[in-house]
Amino acid sequence: MSWMLVAAVLLATAGLLVLGVLAIRLWLDVRALAKGVDRAARALAVAAEDLADAVPGGGDRAAEHSAPAA
């Protein structure tokens, strides 16, 4: 009977270790994904600034189109 208790404790410990490893892998993947999203957002911001600088008028036309017609 005591060997069943030992086996149950060992299986529970092994299960917790597996869950811990999976949690660490998930955290590392999420961190890498967050860095990629941050890089992409910064690149989009730079591209938007370059586009705004390239357009004559510097975006004044965008303000005209967003105003409601009277």
Protein backbone atom coordinates (compact mmCIF):
# COMPACT_ATOMS: atom_id res chain seq x y z
CA MET A 1 0.00 0.00 0.00
CA SER A 2 2.79 2.45 0.76
CA TRP A 3 4.35 1.87 -2.68
CA MET A 4 1.11 3.19 -4.23
CA LEU A 5 1.41 6.37 -2.21
CA VAL A 6 5.04 6.80 -3.29
CA ALA A 7 4.09 6.19 -6.92
CA ALA A 8 1.27 8.73 -6.71
CA VAL A 9 3.60 11.36 -5.22
CA LEU A 10 6.24 10.67 -7.87
CA LEU A 11 3.69 10.89 -10.68
CA ALA A 12 2.31 14.14 -9.27
CA THR A 13 5.83 15.57 -8.98
CA ALA A 14 6.66 14.53 -12.54
CA GLY A 15 3.44 16.12 -13.78
CA LEU A 16 4.24 19.39 -12.02
CA LEU A 17 7.74 19.37 -13.48
CA VAL A 18 6.33 18.87 -16.97
CA LEU A 19 3.86 21.72 -16.45
CA GLY A 20 6.69 23.93 -15.21
CA VAL A 21 8.80 23.22 -18.28
CA LEU A 22 5.86 23.92 -20.57
CA ALA A 23 5.16 27.19 -18.74
CA ILE A 24 8.77 28.30 -19.19
CA ARG A 25 8.67 27.43 -22.91
CA LEU A 26 5.41 29.35 -23.29
CA TRP A 27 6.88 32.38 -21.50
CA LEU A 28 9.93 32.35 -23.79
CA ASP A 29 7.73 32.09 -26.90
CA VAL A 30 5.50 34.93 -25.75
CA ARG A 31 8.55 37.08 -25.00
CA ALA A 32 9.97 36.44 -28.47
CA LEU A 33 6.59 37.20 -30.06
CA ALA A 34 6.31 40.45 -28.10
CA LYS A 35 9.76 41.52 -29.31
CA GLY A 36 8.75 40.76 -32.89
CA VAL A 37 5.53 42.74 -32.56
CA ASP A 38 7.44 45.64 -31.04
CA ARG A 39 9.94 45.63 -33.90
CA ALA A 40 7.14 45.53 -36.47
CA ALA A 41 5.25 48.37 -34.77
CA ARG A 42 8.37 50.53 -34.70
CA ALA A 43 9.02 49.79 -38.38
CA LEU A 44 5.43 50.72 -39.24
CA ALA A 45 5.77 53.99 -37.31
CA VAL A 46 8.95 54.86 -39.17
CA ALA A 47 7.33 53.98 -42.50
CA ALA A 48 4.31 56.14 -41.64
CA GLU A 49 6.59 59.08 -40.83
CA ASP A 50 8.47 58.59 -44.11
CA LEU A 51 5.19 58.45 -46.01
CA ALA A 52 3.89 61.58 -44.29
CA ASP A 53 7.12 63.39 -45.18
CA ALA A 54 6.87 62.24 -48.81
CA VAL A 55 3.29 63.44 -49.28
CA PRO A 56 3.06 67.11 -50.30
CA GLY A 57 1.20 69.11 -47.69
CA GLY A 58 2.32 66.87 -44.81
CA GLY A 59 -1.07 65.39 -44.00
CA ASP A 60 -3.21 68.56 -44.10
CA ARG A 61 -5.51 66.84 -46.56
CA ALA A 62 -6.20 64.07 -44.05
CA ALA A 63 -7.55 66.63 -41.59
CA GLU A 64 -9.82 68.07 -44.29
CA HIS A 65 -11.31 64.64 -45.05
CA SER A 66 -11.93 63.77 -41.42
CA ALA A 67 -13.98 66.93 -40.73
CA PRO A 68 -17.73 66.43 -41.04
CA ALA A 69 -19.45 68.28 -43.86
CA ALA A 70 -21.63 71.17 -42.72
